[in-house]
Amino acid sequence: QAQLVESGGGLVQPGESLRLSCAASGTIDDIRTMGWYRQTPGKQRIWVASISNEGITRYEDSVQTRFTIARDNAGNTVFLQMNSLKPEDTAVYYCNVVTQSQIYWGQGTQVTVSS
């Protein structure tokens, strides 16, 4: 079945930016939403941002003014532009795709924001 492949993570200083990408390796039909979650060791995975099939975007409050979620024209890639990064943004970031019948997860990409 289809897989989601993430890229774009890395080590940056506070205030810098990163763009995460997540591309489907196979066809995924009937996509309802695409989104991003993040998780730190010993903590629950939490929702960060999502974009609906209609293009409606939503964000967790702490990233509302700093992050932007987008998708490509074909709808098989989702991006997360992360600006003004803070140390508390440090986490493994996971993309996900929700369809009519399935939920897909990426493998995770590490984002570290350190002084």
C-alpha atoms as a PDB file:
ATOM      1  CA  GLN A   1       0.000   0.000   0.000  1.00  0.00           C
ATOM      2  CA  ALA A   2       0.940   3.648  -0.272  1.00  0.00           C
ATOM      3  CA  GLN A   3       3.581   5.159   1.990  1.00  0.00           C
ATOM      4  CA  LEU A   4       4.354   8.710   3.054  1.00  0.00           C
ATOM      5  CA  VAL A   5       7.975   9.828   2.852  1.00  0.00           C
ATOM      6  CA  GLU A   6       9.037  12.873   4.852  1.00  0.00           C
ATOM      7  CA  SER A   7      12.012  15.169   4.434  1.00  0.00           C
ATOM      8  CA  GLY A   8      13.243  18.610   5.438  1.00  0.00           C
ATOM      9  CA  GLY A   9      14.009  18.233   9.122  1.00  0.00           C
ATOM     10  CA  GLY A  10      17.250  19.345  10.661  1.00  0.00           C
ATOM     11  CA  LEU A  11      19.042  21.419  13.263  1.00  0.00           C
ATOM     12  CA  VAL A  12      18.439  25.170  13.314  1.00  0.00           C
ATOM     13  CA  GLN A  13      18.865  28.063  15.699  1.00  0.00           C
ATOM     14  CA  PRO A  14      15.923  29.897  17.258  1.00  0.00           C
ATOM     15  CA  GLY A  15      14.293  32.304  14.828  1.00  0.00           C
ATOM     16  CA  GLU A  16      15.293  30.353  11.737  1.00  0.00           C
ATOM     17  CA  SER A  17      13.032  28.472   9.329  1.00  0.00           C
ATOM     18  CA  LEU A  18      12.529  25.000   7.917  1.00  0.00           C
ATOM     19  CA  ARG A  19      10.203  23.551   5.330  1.00  0.00           C
ATOM     20  CA  LEU A  20       9.014  19.991   5.766  1.00  0.00           C
ATOM     21  CA  SER A  21       7.762  17.917   2.856  1.00  0.00           C
ATOM     22  CA  CYS A  22       5.726  14.733   2.773  1.00  0.00           C
ATOM     23  CA  ALA A  23       5.146  12.867  -0.475  1.00  0.00           C
ATOM     24  CA  ALA A  24       3.049   9.801  -1.160  1.00  0.00           C
ATOM     25  CA  SER A  25       4.971   6.952  -2.769  1.00  0.00           C
ATOM     26  CA  GLY A  26       1.782   5.499  -4.184  1.00  0.00           C
ATOM     27  CA  THR A  27      -1.701   6.562  -5.112  1.00  0.00           C
ATOM     28  CA  ILE A  28      -3.963   7.610  -2.268  1.00  0.00           C
ATOM     29  CA  ASP A  29      -7.584   8.085  -3.210  1.00  0.00           C
ATOM     30  CA  ASP A  30     -10.364  10.023  -1.541  1.00  0.00           C
ATOM     31  CA  ILE A  31      -8.164  12.260   0.582  1.00  0.00           C
ATOM     32  CA  ARG A  32     -10.146  14.225   3.136  1.00  0.00           C
ATOM     33  CA  THR A  33      -7.378  15.990   5.039  1.00  0.00           C
ATOM     34  CA  MET A  34      -3.600  16.165   5.136  1.00  0.00           C
ATOM     35  CA  GLY A  35      -1.760  17.294   8.212  1.00  0.00           C
ATOM     36  CA  TRP A  36       1.188  17.366  10.551  1.00  0.00           C
ATOM     37  CA  TYR A  37       1.702  16.129  14.102  1.00  0.00           C
ATOM     38  CA  ARG A  38       4.692  16.270  16.404  1.00  0.00           C
ATOM     39  CA  GLN A  39       5.974  14.205  19.304  1.00  0.00           C
ATOM     40  CA  THR A  40       8.765  14.420  21.870  1.00  0.00           C
ATOM     41  CA  PRO A  41      10.117  11.478  23.911  1.00  0.00           C
ATOM     42  CA  GLY A  42       7.687  10.383  26.597  1.00  0.00           C
ATOM     43  CA  LYS A  43       4.965  12.709  25.328  1.00  0.00           C
ATOM     44  CA  GLN A  44       1.769  12.157  23.396  1.00  0.00           C
ATOM     45  CA  ARG A  45       1.738  12.906  19.696  1.00  0.00           C
ATOM     46  CA  ILE A  46      -0.124  16.172  19.165  1.00  0.00           C
ATOM     47  CA  TRP A  47      -1.761  17.787  16.179  1.00  0.00           C
ATOM     48  CA  VAL A  48      -0.066  20.818  14.644  1.00  0.00           C
ATOM     49  CA  ALA A  49      -1.777  21.721  11.371  1.00  0.00           C
ATOM     50  CA  SER A  50      -4.125  20.380   8.735  1.00  0.00           C
ATOM     51  CA  ILE A  51      -5.496  21.213   5.318  1.00  0.00           C
ATOM     52  CA  SER A  52      -8.777  19.884   3.996  1.00  0.00           C
ATOM     53  CA  ASN A  53      -9.516  18.657   0.504  1.00  0.00           C
ATOM     54  CA  GLU A  54     -11.174  22.024  -0.073  1.00  0.00           C
ATOM     55  CA  GLY A  55      -8.012  23.864   0.944  1.00  0.00           C
ATOM     56  CA  ILE A  56      -9.176  25.012   4.372  1.00  0.00           C
ATOM     57  CA  THR A  57      -6.269  25.269   6.794  1.00  0.00           C
ATOM     58  CA  ARG A  58      -6.229  24.970  10.577  1.00  0.00           C
ATOM     59  CA  TYR A  59      -3.449  25.349  13.128  1.00  0.00           C
ATOM     60  CA  GLU A  60      -2.684  24.631  16.740  1.00  0.00           C
ATOM     61  CA  ASP A  61      -2.675  27.904  18.662  1.00  0.00           C
ATOM     62  CA  SER A  62       1.044  28.005  19.420  1.00  0.00           C
ATOM     63  CA  VAL A  63       1.999  27.825  15.730  1.00  0.00           C
ATOM     64  CA  GLN A  64      -0.882  29.841  14.251  1.00  0.00           C
ATOM     65  CA  THR A  65       1.197  32.897  13.346  1.00  0.00           C
ATOM     66  CA  ARG A  66       4.405  31.071  12.452  1.00  0.00           C
ATOM     67  CA  PHE A  67       3.602  27.927  10.433  1.00  0.00           C
ATOM     68  CA  THR A  68       1.921  27.486   7.070  1.00  0.00           C
ATOM     69  CA  ILE A  69       0.572  24.238   5.677  1.00  0.00           C
ATOM     70  CA  ALA A  70       0.156  23.773   1.934  1.00  0.00           C
ATOM     71  CA  ARG A  71      -0.206  21.085  -0.697  1.00  0.00           C
ATOM     72  CA  ASP A  72       0.878  20.710  -4.294  1.00  0.00           C
ATOM     73  CA  ASN A  73      -1.518  20.919  -7.227  1.00  0.00           C
ATOM     74  CA  ALA A  74      -1.738  17.154  -7.602  1.00  0.00           C
ATOM     75  CA  GLY A  75      -2.580  16.768  -3.934  1.00  0.00           C
ATOM     76  CA  ASN A  76       0.039  14.085  -3.301  1.00  0.00           C
ATOM     77  CA  THR A  77       2.498  16.222  -1.352  1.00  0.00           C
ATOM     78  CA  VAL A  78       1.955  18.276   1.775  1.00  0.00           C
ATOM     79  CA  PHE A  79       4.329  20.921   3.117  1.00  0.00           C
ATOM     80  CA  LEU A  80       4.837  22.645   6.422  1.00  0.00           C
ATOM     81  CA  GLN A  81       6.643  25.972   6.315  1.00  0.00           C
ATOM     82  CA  MET A  82       7.977  26.641   9.793  1.00  0.00           C
ATOM     83  CA  ASN A  83       9.127  30.191  10.530  1.00  0.00           C
ATOM     84  CA  SER A  84      10.401  31.860  13.694  1.00  0.00           C
ATOM     85  CA  LEU A  85      11.227  28.491  15.190  1.00  0.00           C
ATOM     86  CA  LYS A  86      11.497  28.173  18.953  1.00  0.00           C
ATOM     87  CA  PRO A  87      13.225  25.556  21.131  1.00  0.00           C
ATOM     88  CA  GLU A  88       9.799  24.269  22.173  1.00  0.00           C
ATOM     89  CA  ASP A  89       9.148  23.350  18.532  1.00  0.00           C
ATOM     90  CA  THR A  90      11.789  20.630  18.850  1.00  0.00           C
ATOM     91  CA  ALA A  91      10.137  17.288  18.102  1.00  0.00           C
ATOM     92  CA  VAL A  92       9.773  14.504  15.605  1.00  0.00           C
ATOM     93  CA  TYR A  93       7.270  15.702  13.031  1.00  0.00           C
ATOM     94  CA  TYR A  94       4.897  13.253  11.361  1.00  0.00           C
ATOM     95  CA  CYS A  95       2.742  13.915   8.349  1.00  0.00           C
ATOM     96  CA  ASN A  96      -0.567  12.181   7.984  1.00  0.00           C
ATOM     97  CA  VAL A  97      -3.237  11.701   5.360  1.00  0.00           C
ATOM     98  CA  VAL A  98      -6.837  10.922   6.214  1.00  0.00           C
ATOM     99  CA  THR A  99      -9.010   9.313   3.565  1.00  0.00           C
ATOM    100  CA  GLN A 100     -12.524   7.957   3.533  1.00  0.00           C
ATOM    101  CA  SER A 101     -11.341   4.692   5.067  1.00  0.00           C
ATOM    102  CA  GLN A 102      -7.674   4.925   6.107  1.00  0.00           C
ATOM    103  CA  ILE A 103      -5.174   7.000   8.041  1.00  0.00           C
ATOM    104  CA  TYR A 104      -1.596   7.086   6.754  1.00  0.00           C
ATOM    105  CA  TRP A 105       1.489   8.214   8.678  1.00  0.00           C
ATOM    106  CA  GLY A 106       4.940   9.261   7.593  1.00  0.00           C
ATOM    107  CA  GLN A 107       8.081   7.859   9.185  1.00  0.00           C
ATOM    108  CA  GLY A 108       8.841  11.067  11.063  1.00  0.00           C
ATOM    109  CA  THR A 109      11.513  13.700  10.601  1.00  0.00           C
ATOM    110  CA  GLN A 110      13.500  15.273  13.429  1.00  0.00           C
ATOM    111  CA  VAL A 111      13.359  19.024  13.952  1.00  0.00           C
ATOM    112  CA  THR A 112      15.749  20.417  16.537  1.00  0.00           C
ATOM    113  CA  VAL A 113      15.784  24.095  17.492  1.00  0.00           C
ATOM    114  CA  SER A 114      18.723  24.866  19.723  1.00  0.00           C
ATOM    115  CA  SER A 115      20.734  27.846  20.867  1.00  0.00           C
END
